[in-house]
PDB file of N, CA and C in Angstrom:
ATOM      1  N   MET A   1      -2.888  -5.523 -13.532  1.00  0.00           N
ATOM      2  CA  MET A   1      -1.645  -6.208 -13.410  1.00  0.00           C
ATOM      3  C   MET A   1      -0.594  -5.488 -14.218  1.00  0.00           C
ATOM      4  N   LYS A   2       0.573  -5.382 -13.680  1.00  0.00           N
ATOM      5  CA  LYS A   2       1.653  -4.670 -14.293  1.00  0.00           C
ATOM      6  C   LYS A   2       2.787  -5.605 -14.638  1.00  0.00           C
ATOM      7  N   LYS A   3       3.211  -5.640 -15.902  1.00  0.00           N
ATOM      8  CA  LYS A   3       4.318  -6.487 -16.293  1.00  0.00           C
ATOM      9  C   LYS A   3       5.632  -5.889 -15.837  1.00  0.00           C
ATOM     10  N   GLN A   4       6.501  -6.729 -15.337  1.00  0.00           N
ATOM     11  CA  GLN A   4       7.805  -6.301 -14.861  1.00  0.00           C
ATOM     12  C   GLN A   4       8.808  -6.467 -15.991  1.00  0.00           C
ATOM     13  N   ASP A   5       9.253  -7.724 -16.218  1.00  0.00           N
ATOM     14  CA  ASP A   5      10.294  -7.952 -17.169  1.00  0.00           C
ATOM     15  C   ASP A   5       9.883  -8.916 -18.324  1.00  0.00           C
ATOM     16  N   GLY A   6       8.622  -9.009 -18.546  1.00  0.00           N
ATOM     17  CA  GLY A   6       8.128  -9.846 -19.631  1.00  0.00           C
ATOM     18  C   GLY A   6       7.823 -11.268 -19.168  1.00  0.00           C
ATOM     19  N   ALA A   7       8.580 -11.794 -18.193  1.00  0.00           N
ATOM     20  CA  ALA A   7       8.341 -13.157 -17.729  1.00  0.00           C
ATOM     21  C   ALA A   7       7.706 -13.187 -16.361  1.00  0.00           C
ATOM     22  N   THR A   8       7.831 -12.136 -15.612  1.00  0.00           N
ATOM     23  CA  THR A   8       7.337 -12.055 -14.228  1.00  0.00           C
ATOM     24  C   THR A   8       6.294 -10.972 -14.125  1.00  0.00           C
ATOM     25  N   GLN A   9       5.182 -11.315 -13.460  1.00  0.00           N
ATOM     26  CA  GLN A   9       4.164 -10.299 -13.186  1.00  0.00           C
ATOM     27  C   GLN A   9       4.031 -10.136 -11.706  1.00  0.00           C
ATOM     28  N   LEU A  10       3.828  -8.890 -11.290  1.00  0.00           N
ATOM     29  CA  LEU A  10       3.565  -8.594  -9.900  1.00  0.00           C
ATOM     30  C   LEU A  10       2.115  -8.283  -9.741  1.00  0.00           C
ATOM     31  N   ILE A  11       1.491  -8.864  -8.736  1.00  0.00           N
ATOM     32  CA  ILE A  11       0.104  -8.606  -8.406  1.00  0.00           C
ATOM     33  C   ILE A  11       0.091  -7.795  -7.152  1.00  0.00           C
ATOM     34  N   ARG A  12      -0.518  -6.597  -7.161  1.00  0.00           N
ATOM     35  CA  ARG A  12      -0.533  -5.748  -5.994  1.00  0.00           C
ATOM     36  C   ARG A  12      -1.858  -5.881  -5.249  1.00  0.00           C
ATOM     37  N   ILE A  13      -1.757  -6.152  -3.949  1.00  0.00           N
ATOM     38  CA  ILE A  13      -2.918  -6.246  -3.086  1.00  0.00           C
ATOM     39  C   ILE A  13      -2.614  -5.423  -1.820  1.00  0.00           C
ATOM     40  N   GLY A  14      -3.349  -4.332  -1.666  1.00  0.00           N
ATOM     41  CA  GLY A  14      -3.180  -3.537  -0.453  1.00  0.00           C
ATOM     42  C   GLY A  14      -1.745  -3.034  -0.203  1.00  0.00           C
ATOM     43  N   GLY A  15      -1.065  -2.601  -1.245  1.00  0.00           N
ATOM     44  CA  GLY A  15       0.306  -2.094  -1.061  1.00  0.00           C
ATOM     45  C   GLY A  15       1.374  -3.164  -1.037  1.00  0.00           C
ATOM     46  N   ARG A  16       0.968  -4.412  -0.969  1.00  0.00           N
ATOM     47  CA  ARG A  16       1.970  -5.525  -0.978  1.00  0.00           C
ATOM     48  C   ARG A  16       2.048  -6.042  -2.435  1.00  0.00           C
ATOM     49  N   ALA A  17       3.159  -6.670  -2.739  1.00  0.00           N
ATOM     50  CA  ALA A  17       3.346  -7.260  -4.065  1.00  0.00           C
ATOM     51  C   ALA A  17       3.581  -8.757  -3.912  1.00  0.00           C
ATOM     52  N   TYR A  18       3.002  -9.519  -4.796  1.00  0.00           N
ATOM     53  CA  TYR A  18       3.196 -10.981  -4.821  1.00  0.00           C
ATOM     54  C   TYR A  18       3.735 -11.318  -6.204  1.00  0.00           C
ATOM     55  N   ARG A  19       4.875 -12.000  -6.223  1.00  0.00           N
ATOM     56  CA  ARG A  19       5.457 -12.410  -7.519  1.00  0.00           C
ATOM     57  C   ARG A  19       4.885 -13.774  -7.908  1.00  0.00           C
ATOM     58  N   VAL A  20       4.483 -13.879  -9.160  1.00  0.00           N
ATOM     59  CA  VAL A  20       4.003 -15.149  -9.695  1.00  0.00           C
ATOM     60  C   VAL A  20       4.992 -15.572 -10.783  1.00  0.00           C
ATOM     61  N   ARG A  21       5.612 -16.745 -10.588  1.00  0.00           N
ATOM     62  CA  ARG A  21       6.630 -17.239 -11.529  1.00  0.00           C
ATOM     63  C   ARG A  21       6.326 -18.639 -11.930  1.00  0.00           C
ATOM     64  N   THR A  22       6.649 -18.962 -13.156  1.00  0.00           N
ATOM     65  CA  THR A  22       6.517 -20.333 -13.649  1.00  0.00           C
ATOM     66  C   THR A  22       7.784 -20.687 -14.431  1.00  0.00           C
ATOM     67  N   GLN A  23       8.277 -21.882 -14.224  1.00  0.00           N
ATOM     68  CA  GLN A  23       9.442 -22.377 -14.963  1.00  0.00           C
ATOM     69  C   GLN A  23       9.129 -23.765 -15.470  1.00  0.00           C
ATOM     70  N   VAL A  24       9.300 -23.991 -16.738  1.00  0.00           N
ATOM     71  CA  VAL A  24       9.126 -25.295 -17.329  1.00  0.00           C
ATOM     72  C   VAL A  24      10.435 -25.761 -17.899  1.00  0.00           C
ATOM     73  N   VAL A  25      10.881 -26.912 -17.511  1.00  0.00           N
ATOM     74  CA  VAL A  25      12.159 -27.477 -17.969  1.00  0.00           C
ATOM     75  C   VAL A  25      11.893 -28.817 -18.640  1.00  0.00           C
ATOM     76  N   VAL A  26      12.442 -28.991 -19.840  1.00  0.00           N
ATOM     77  CA  VAL A  26      12.356 -30.284 -20.511  1.00  0.00           C
ATOM     78  C   VAL A  26      13.827 -30.679 -20.720  1.00  0.00           C
ATOM     79  N   GLU A  27      14.210 -31.804 -20.162  1.00  0.00           N
ATOM     80  CA  GLU A  27      15.605 -32.224 -20.241  1.00  0.00           C
ATOM     81  C   GLU A  27      15.694 -33.726 -20.433  1.00  0.00           C
ATOM     82  N   GLU A  28      16.734 -34.136 -21.092  1.00  0.00           N
ATOM     83  CA  GLU A  28      16.992 -35.549 -21.324  1.00  0.00           C
ATOM     84  C   GLU A  28      17.710 -36.067 -20.071  1.00  0.00           C
ATOM     85  N   VAL A  29      17.245 -37.201 -19.522  1.00  0.00           N
ATOM     86  CA  VAL A  29      17.834 -37.783 -18.325  1.00  0.00           C
ATOM     87  C   VAL A  29      18.097 -39.276 -18.590  1.00  0.00           C
ATOM     88  N   ASP A  30      19.053 -39.807 -17.866  1.00  0.00           N
ATOM     89  CA  ASP A  30      19.288 -41.245 -17.866  1.00  0.00           C
ATOM     90  C   ASP A  30      18.234 -41.924 -17.012  1.00  0.00           C
ATOM     91  N   CYS A  31      17.665 -42.989 -17.516  1.00  0.00           N
ATOM     92  CA  CYS A  31      16.605 -43.659 -16.744  1.00  0.00           C
ATOM     93  C   CYS A  31      16.825 -45.164 -16.852  1.00  0.00           C
ATOM     94  N   ASP A  32      17.071 -45.780 -15.684  1.00  0.00           N
ATOM     95  CA  ASP A  32      17.263 -47.233 -15.662  1.00  0.00           C
ATOM     96  C   ASP A  32      15.940 -47.979 -15.631  1.00  0.00           C
ATOM     97  N   ASP A  33      14.839 -47.271 -15.352  1.00  0.00           N
ATOM     98  CA  ASP A  33      13.542 -47.897 -15.240  1.00  0.00           C
ATOM     99  C   ASP A  33      12.918 -48.021 -16.653  1.00  0.00           C
ATOM    100  N   PRO A  34      12.817 -49.243 -17.174  1.00  0.00           N
ATOM    101  CA  PRO A  34      12.224 -49.383 -18.541  1.00  0.00           C
ATOM    102  C   PRO A  34      10.706 -49.155 -18.504  1.00  0.00           C
ATOM    103  N   GLY A  35      10.101 -49.094 -17.366  1.00  0.00           N
ATOM    104  CA  GLY A  35       8.637 -48.970 -17.253  1.00  0.00           C
ATOM    105  C   GLY A  35       8.230 -47.501 -17.042  1.00  0.00           C
ATOM    106  N   VAL A  36       8.611 -46.613 -17.960  1.00  0.00           N
ATOM    107  CA  VAL A  36       8.214 -45.209 -17.874  1.00  0.00           C
ATOM    108  C   VAL A  36       6.697 -45.178 -18.061  1.00  0.00           C
ATOM    109  N   ASP A  37       5.983 -44.716 -17.015  1.00  0.00           N
ATOM    110  CA  ASP A  37       4.551 -44.837 -17.033  1.00  0.00           C
ATOM    111  C   ASP A  37       3.776 -43.523 -17.364  1.00  0.00           C
ATOM    112  N   GLY A  38       4.491 -42.402 -17.447  1.00  0.00           N
ATOM    113  CA  GLY A  38       3.812 -41.163 -17.781  1.00  0.00           C
ATOM    114  C   GLY A  38       3.011 -40.569 -16.640  1.00  0.00           C
ATOM    115  N   GLU A  39       3.207 -41.047 -15.411  1.00  0.00           N
ATOM    116  CA  GLU A  39       2.493 -40.517 -14.244  1.00  0.00           C
ATOM    117  C   GLU A  39       3.188 -39.277 -13.678  1.00  0.00           C
ATOM    118  N   VAL A  40       2.436 -38.287 -13.334  1.00  0.00           N
ATOM    119  CA  VAL A  40       2.968 -37.053 -12.743  1.00  0.00           C
ATOM    120  C   VAL A  40       3.301 -37.363 -11.247  1.00  0.00           C
ATOM    121  N   ARG A  41       4.504 -36.982 -10.865  1.00  0.00           N
ATOM    122  CA  ARG A  41       4.938 -37.222  -9.468  1.00  0.00           C
ATOM    123  C   ARG A  41       5.492 -35.950  -8.863  1.00  0.00           C
ATOM    124  N   ARG A  42       5.424 -35.842  -7.542  1.00  0.00           N
ATOM    125  CA  ARG A  42       6.032 -34.726  -6.829  1.00  0.00           C
ATOM    126  C   ARG A  42       7.525 -35.044  -6.683  1.00  0.00           C
ATOM    127  N   ALA A  43       8.363 -34.117  -7.130  1.00  0.00           N
ATOM    128  CA  ALA A  43       9.828 -34.296  -7.071  1.00  0.00           C
ATOM    129  C   ALA A  43      10.347 -33.869  -5.697  1.00  0.00           C
ATOM    130  N   ALA A  44      11.565 -34.273  -5.393  1.00  0.00           N
ATOM    131  CA  ALA A  44      12.184 -33.962  -4.110  1.00  0.00           C
ATOM    132  C   ALA A  44      12.288 -32.447  -3.841  1.00  0.00           C
ATOM    133  N   ASP A  45      12.419 -31.679  -4.930  1.00  0.00           N
ATOM    134  CA  ASP A  45      12.530 -30.206  -4.767  1.00  0.00           C
ATOM    135  C   ASP A  45      11.175 -29.499  -4.618  1.00  0.00           C
ATOM    136  N   GLY A  46      10.113 -30.299  -4.621  1.00  0.00           N
ATOM    137  CA  GLY A  46       8.740 -29.711  -4.492  1.00  0.00           C
ATOM    138  C   GLY A  46       8.031 -29.468  -5.803  1.00  0.00           C
ATOM    139  N   GLY A  47       8.752 -29.592  -6.888  1.00  0.00           N
ATOM    140  CA  GLY A  47       8.141 -29.413  -8.223  1.00  0.00           C
ATOM    141  C   GLY A  47       7.434 -30.725  -8.634  1.00  0.00           C
ATOM    142  N   PHE A  48       6.864 -30.690  -9.826  1.00  0.00           N
ATOM    143  CA  PHE A  48       6.180 -31.868 -10.325  1.00  0.00           C
ATOM    144  C   PHE A  48       6.854 -32.288 -11.642  1.00  0.00           C
ATOM    145  N   GLU A  49       6.919 -33.583 -11.857  1.00  0.00           N
ATOM    146  CA  GLU A  49       7.617 -34.116 -13.040  1.00  0.00           C
ATOM    147  C   GLU A  49       6.926 -35.333 -13.557  1.00  0.00           C
ATOM    148  N   VAL A  50       7.216 -35.624 -14.809  1.00  0.00           N
ATOM    149  CA  VAL A  50       6.771 -36.840 -15.464  1.00  0.00           C
ATOM    150  C   VAL A  50       7.878 -37.283 -16.398  1.00  0.00           C
ATOM    151  N   LEU A  51       8.090 -38.579 -16.468  1.00  0.00           N
ATOM    152  CA  LEU A  51       9.108 -39.132 -17.371  1.00  0.00           C
ATOM    153  C   LEU A  51       8.387 -39.590 -18.612  1.00  0.00           C
ATOM    154  N   LEU A  52       8.917 -39.182 -19.755  1.00  0.00           N
ATOM    155  CA  LEU A  52       8.373 -39.603 -21.051  1.00  0.00           C
ATOM    156  C   LEU A  52       9.340 -40.571 -21.713  1.00  0.00           C
ATOM    157  N   SER A  53       8.823 -41.500 -22.477  1.00  0.00           N
ATOM    158  CA  SER A  53       9.663 -42.391 -23.252  1.00  0.00           C
ATOM    159  C   SER A  53      10.298 -41.554 -24.361  1.00  0.00           C
ATOM    160  N   ALA A  54      11.337 -42.066 -24.952  1.00  0.00           N
ATOM    161  CA  ALA A  54      11.986 -41.337 -26.065  1.00  0.00           C
ATOM    162  C   ALA A  54      11.007 -41.101 -27.200  1.00  0.00           C
ATOM    163  N   GLU A  55      10.128 -42.071 -27.423  1.00  0.00           N
ATOM    164  CA  GLU A  55       9.113 -41.959 -28.491  1.00  0.00           C
ATOM    165  C   GLU A  55       8.129 -40.837 -28.160  1.00  0.00           C
ATOM    166  N   ASP A  56       7.624 -40.820 -26.926  1.00  0.00           N
ATOM    167  CA  ASP A  56       6.657 -39.769 -26.549  1.00  0.00           C
ATOM    168  C   ASP A  56       7.298 -38.376 -26.541  1.00  0.00           C
ATOM    169  N   ALA A  57       8.569 -38.315 -26.204  1.00  0.00           N
ATOM    170  CA  ALA A  57       9.272 -37.044 -26.116  1.00  0.00           C
ATOM    171  C   ALA A  57       9.445 -36.413 -27.516  1.00  0.00           C
ATOM    172  N   THR A  58       9.323 -37.187 -28.572  1.00  0.00           N
ATOM    173  CA  THR A  58       9.441 -36.627 -29.915  1.00  0.00           C
ATOM    174  C   THR A  58       8.102 -36.269 -30.520  1.00  0.00           C
ATOM    175  N   SER A  59       7.039 -36.527 -29.767  1.00  0.00           N
ATOM    176  CA  SER A  59       5.682 -36.183 -30.221  1.00  0.00           C
ATOM    177  C   SER A  59       5.263 -34.834 -29.588  1.00  0.00           C
ATOM    178  N   ILE A  60       4.918 -33.864 -30.442  1.00  0.00           N
ATOM    179  CA  ILE A  60       4.510 -32.556 -29.901  1.00  0.00           C
ATOM    180  C   ILE A  60       3.267 -32.695 -29.052  1.00  0.00           C
ATOM    181  N   ASP A  61       2.319 -33.508 -29.439  1.00  0.00           N
ATOM    182  CA  ASP A  61       1.074 -33.666 -28.685  1.00  0.00           C
ATOM    183  C   ASP A  61       1.345 -34.329 -27.312  1.00  0.00           C
ATOM    184  N   ARG A  62       2.123 -35.356 -27.284  1.00  0.00           N
ATOM    185  CA  ARG A  62       2.420 -36.061 -26.022  1.00  0.00           C
ATOM    186  C   ARG A  62       3.290 -35.198 -25.097  1.00  0.00           C
ATOM    187  N   SER A  63       4.217 -34.467 -25.695  1.00  0.00           N
ATOM    188  CA  SER A  63       5.069 -33.576 -24.909  1.00  0.00           C
ATOM    189  C   SER A  63       4.255 -32.429 -24.319  1.00  0.00           C
ATOM    190  N   GLU A  64       3.375 -31.858 -25.130  1.00  0.00           N
ATOM    191  CA  GLU A  64       2.529 -30.770 -24.659  1.00  0.00           C
ATOM    192  C   GLU A  64       1.610 -31.273 -23.511  1.00  0.00           C
ATOM    193  N   GLN A  65       1.045 -32.456 -23.672  1.00  0.00           N
ATOM    194  CA  GLN A  65       0.174 -32.992 -22.603  1.00  0.00           C
ATOM    195  C   GLN A  65       0.969 -33.263 -21.330  1.00  0.00           C
ATOM    196  N   ALA A  66       2.213 -33.687 -21.463  1.00  0.00           N
ATOM    197  CA  ALA A  66       3.052 -33.920 -20.280  1.00  0.00           C
ATOM    198  C   ALA A  66       3.321 -32.589 -19.557  1.00  0.00           C
ATOM    199  N   ILE A  67       3.623 -31.547 -20.346  1.00  0.00           N
ATOM    200  CA  ILE A  67       3.891 -30.237 -19.727  1.00  0.00           C
ATOM    201  C   ILE A  67       2.623 -29.719 -19.030  1.00  0.00           C
ATOM    202  N   LEU A  68       1.496 -29.802 -19.705  1.00  0.00           N
ATOM    203  CA  LEU A  68       0.246 -29.363 -19.122  1.00  0.00           C
ATOM    204  C   LEU A  68      -0.094 -30.208 -17.877  1.00  0.00           C
ATOM    205  N   GLY A  69       0.213 -31.476 -17.943  1.00  0.00           N
ATOM    206  CA  GLY A  69      -0.066 -32.382 -16.815  1.00  0.00           C
ATOM    207  C   GLY A  69       0.758 -32.060 -15.574  1.00  0.00           C
ATOM    208  N   THR A  70       1.945 -31.517 -15.768  1.00  0.00           N
ATOM    209  CA  THR A  70       2.756 -31.134 -14.579  1.00  0.00           C
ATOM    210  C   THR A  70       2.410 -29.706 -14.114  1.00  0.00           C
ATOM    211  N   CYS A  71       1.947 -28.867 -15.021  1.00  0.00           N
ATOM    212  CA  CYS A  71       1.632 -27.475 -14.656  1.00  0.00           C
ATOM    213  C   CYS A  71       0.397 -27.390 -13.783  1.00  0.00           C
ATOM    214  N   TRP A  72      -0.598 -28.192 -14.059  1.00  0.00           N
ATOM    215  CA  TRP A  72      -1.864 -28.135 -13.315  1.00  0.00           C
ATOM    216  C   TRP A  72      -1.639 -28.386 -11.786  1.00  0.00           C
ATOM    217  N   PRO A  73      -1.008 -29.504 -11.391  1.00  0.00           N
ATOM    218  CA  PRO A  73      -0.798 -29.692  -9.965  1.00  0.00           C
ATOM    219  C   PRO A  73       0.143 -28.661  -9.363  1.00  0.00           C
ATOM    220  N   ALA A  74       1.097 -28.189 -10.122  1.00  0.00           N
ATOM    221  CA  ALA A  74       2.000 -27.148  -9.632  1.00  0.00           C
ATOM    222  C   ALA A  74       1.242 -25.857  -9.342  1.00  0.00           C
ATOM    223  N   MET A  75       0.334 -25.481 -10.242  1.00  0.00           N
ATOM    224  CA  MET A  75      -0.462 -24.261 -10.040  1.00  0.00           C
ATOM    225  C   MET A  75      -1.419 -24.411  -8.862  1.00  0.00           C
ATOM    226  N   ARG A  76      -2.077 -25.562  -8.737  1.00  0.00           N
ATOM    227  CA  ARG A  76      -3.025 -25.787  -7.653  1.00  0.00           C
ATOM    228  C   ARG A  76      -2.273 -25.788  -6.308  1.00  0.00           C
ATOM    229  N   THR A  77      -1.137 -26.418  -6.263  1.00  0.00           N
ATOM    230  CA  THR A  77      -0.346 -26.471  -5.016  1.00  0.00           C
ATOM    231  C   THR A  77       0.141 -25.090  -4.604  1.00  0.00           C
ATOM    232  N   ALA A  78       0.683 -24.324  -5.598  1.00  0.00           N
ATOM    233  CA  ALA A  78       1.135 -22.972  -5.299  1.00  0.00           C
ATOM    234  C   ALA A  78       0.013 -22.072  -4.824  1.00  0.00           C
ATOM    235  N   LEU A  79      -1.144 -22.192  -5.442  1.00  0.00           N
ATOM    236  CA  LEU A  79      -2.291 -21.369  -5.066  1.00  0.00           C
ATOM    237  C   LEU A  79      -2.794 -21.744  -3.669  1.00  0.00           C
ATOM    238  N   ALA A  80      -2.866 -23.041  -3.389  1.00  0.00           N
ATOM    239  CA  ALA A  80      -3.308 -23.491  -2.065  1.00  0.00           C
ATOM    240  C   ALA A  80      -2.335 -23.026  -0.963  1.00  0.00           C
ATOM    241  N   GLU A  81      -1.036 -23.116  -1.224  1.00  0.00           N
ATOM    242  CA  GLU A  81      -0.059 -22.667  -0.251  1.00  0.00           C
ATOM    243  C   GLU A  81      -0.126 -21.166  -0.028  1.00  0.00           C
ATOM    244  N   HIS A  82      -0.311 -20.414  -1.112  1.00  0.00           N
ATOM    245  CA  HIS A  82      -0.417 -18.970  -1.031  1.00  0.00           C
ATOM    246  C   HIS A  82      -1.674 -18.554  -0.231  1.00  0.00           C
ATOM    247  N   LEU A  83      -2.801 -19.132  -0.571  1.00  0.00           N
ATOM    248  CA  LEU A  83      -4.035 -18.756   0.130  1.00  0.00           C
ATOM    249  C   LEU A  83      -3.986 -19.166   1.599  1.00  0.00           C
ATOM    250  N   HIS A  84      -3.348 -20.292   1.888  1.00  0.00           N
ATOM    251  CA  HIS A  84      -3.185 -20.733   3.258  1.00  0.00           C
ATOM    252  C   HIS A  84      -2.344 -19.710   4.065  1.00  0.00           C
ATOM    253  N   ALA A  85      -1.215 -19.265   3.449  1.00  0.00           N
ATOM    254  CA  ALA A  85      -0.360 -18.298   4.088  1.00  0.00           C
ATOM    255  C   ALA A  85      -1.056 -16.936   4.282  1.00  0.00           C
ATOM    256  N   VAL A  86      -1.807 -16.504   3.288  1.00  0.00           N
ATOM    257  CA  VAL A  86      -2.513 -15.220   3.352  1.00  0.00           C
ATOM    258  C   VAL A  86      -3.605 -15.292   4.419  1.00  0.00           C
ATOM    259  N   SER A  87      -4.285 -16.432   4.544  1.00  0.00           N
ATOM    260  CA  SER A  87      -5.359 -16.532   5.521  1.00  0.00           C
ATOM    261  C   SER A  87      -4.846 -16.498   6.937  1.00  0.00           C
ATOM    262  N   LYS A  88      -3.589 -16.799   7.156  1.00  0.00           N
ATOM    263  CA  LYS A  88      -2.954 -16.804   8.486  1.00  0.00           C
ATOM    264  C   LYS A  88      -2.590 -15.391   8.914  1.00  0.00           C
ATOM    265  N   LYS A  89      -2.462 -14.470   7.966  1.00  0.00           N
ATOM    266  CA  LYS A  89      -2.064 -13.084   8.284  1.00  0.00           C
ATOM    267  C   LYS A  89      -3.230 -12.337   8.923  1.00  0.00           C
ATOM    268  N   LYS A  90      -2.910 -11.495   9.859  1.00  0.00           N
ATOM    269  CA  LYS A  90      -3.928 -10.640  10.478  1.00  0.00           C
ATOM    270  C   LYS A  90      -4.205  -9.469   9.548  1.00  0.00           C
ATOM    271  N   PRO A  91      -5.465  -9.094   9.381  1.00  0.00           N
ATOM    272  CA  PRO A  91      -5.754  -7.900   8.555  1.00  0.00           C
ATOM    273  C   PRO A  91      -5.213  -6.652   9.234  1.00  0.00           C
ATOM    274  N   LYS A  92      -4.764  -5.743   8.392  1.00  0.00           N
ATOM    275  CA  LYS A  92      -4.273  -4.435   8.899  1.00  0.00           C
ATOM    276  C   LYS A  92      -5.430  -3.579   9.352  1.00  0.00           C
ATOM    277  N   THR A  93      -5.246  -2.927  10.470  1.00  0.00           N
ATOM    278  CA  THR A  93      -6.272  -1.984  10.975  1.00  0.00           C
ATOM    279  C   THR A  93      -5.874  -0.617  10.529  1.00  0.00           C
ATOM    280  N   ARG A  94      -6.901   0.230  10.261  1.00  0.00           N
ATOM    281  CA  ARG A  94      -6.642   1.583   9.799  1.00  0.00           C
ATOM    282  C   ARG A  94      -6.611   2.564  10.924  1.00  0.00           C
TER     283      ARG A  94
END
C-alpha cells in the first residue's frame, strides 16, 4: 500500500486504483427530541450517525464508543458496495 497525502491511501489491483477514505465529524446540533437514545441510524446522505446527550458528549469513553459505533456499519456498507460493484465487472482477458 502506498500513502498518498497522509489521509488517503490508494490500493492498486491490476493497474487500477481504489481510494479508501474515512471522515468522522463530531458537531453540536439542535435537537428537539428529549429522548436521545444513542442508536446508530443511516442518515439521508448515506452516512451513519448517532445522537449523544450533552452529558455523554463530554465523556471520552462514551464519545469514543459512539464514533466506533458509527464507523463499523459505515465500513461494512462501503466494503459490501465495493465488492458488489467489483463482482459485476468482467475480468480482463490477456
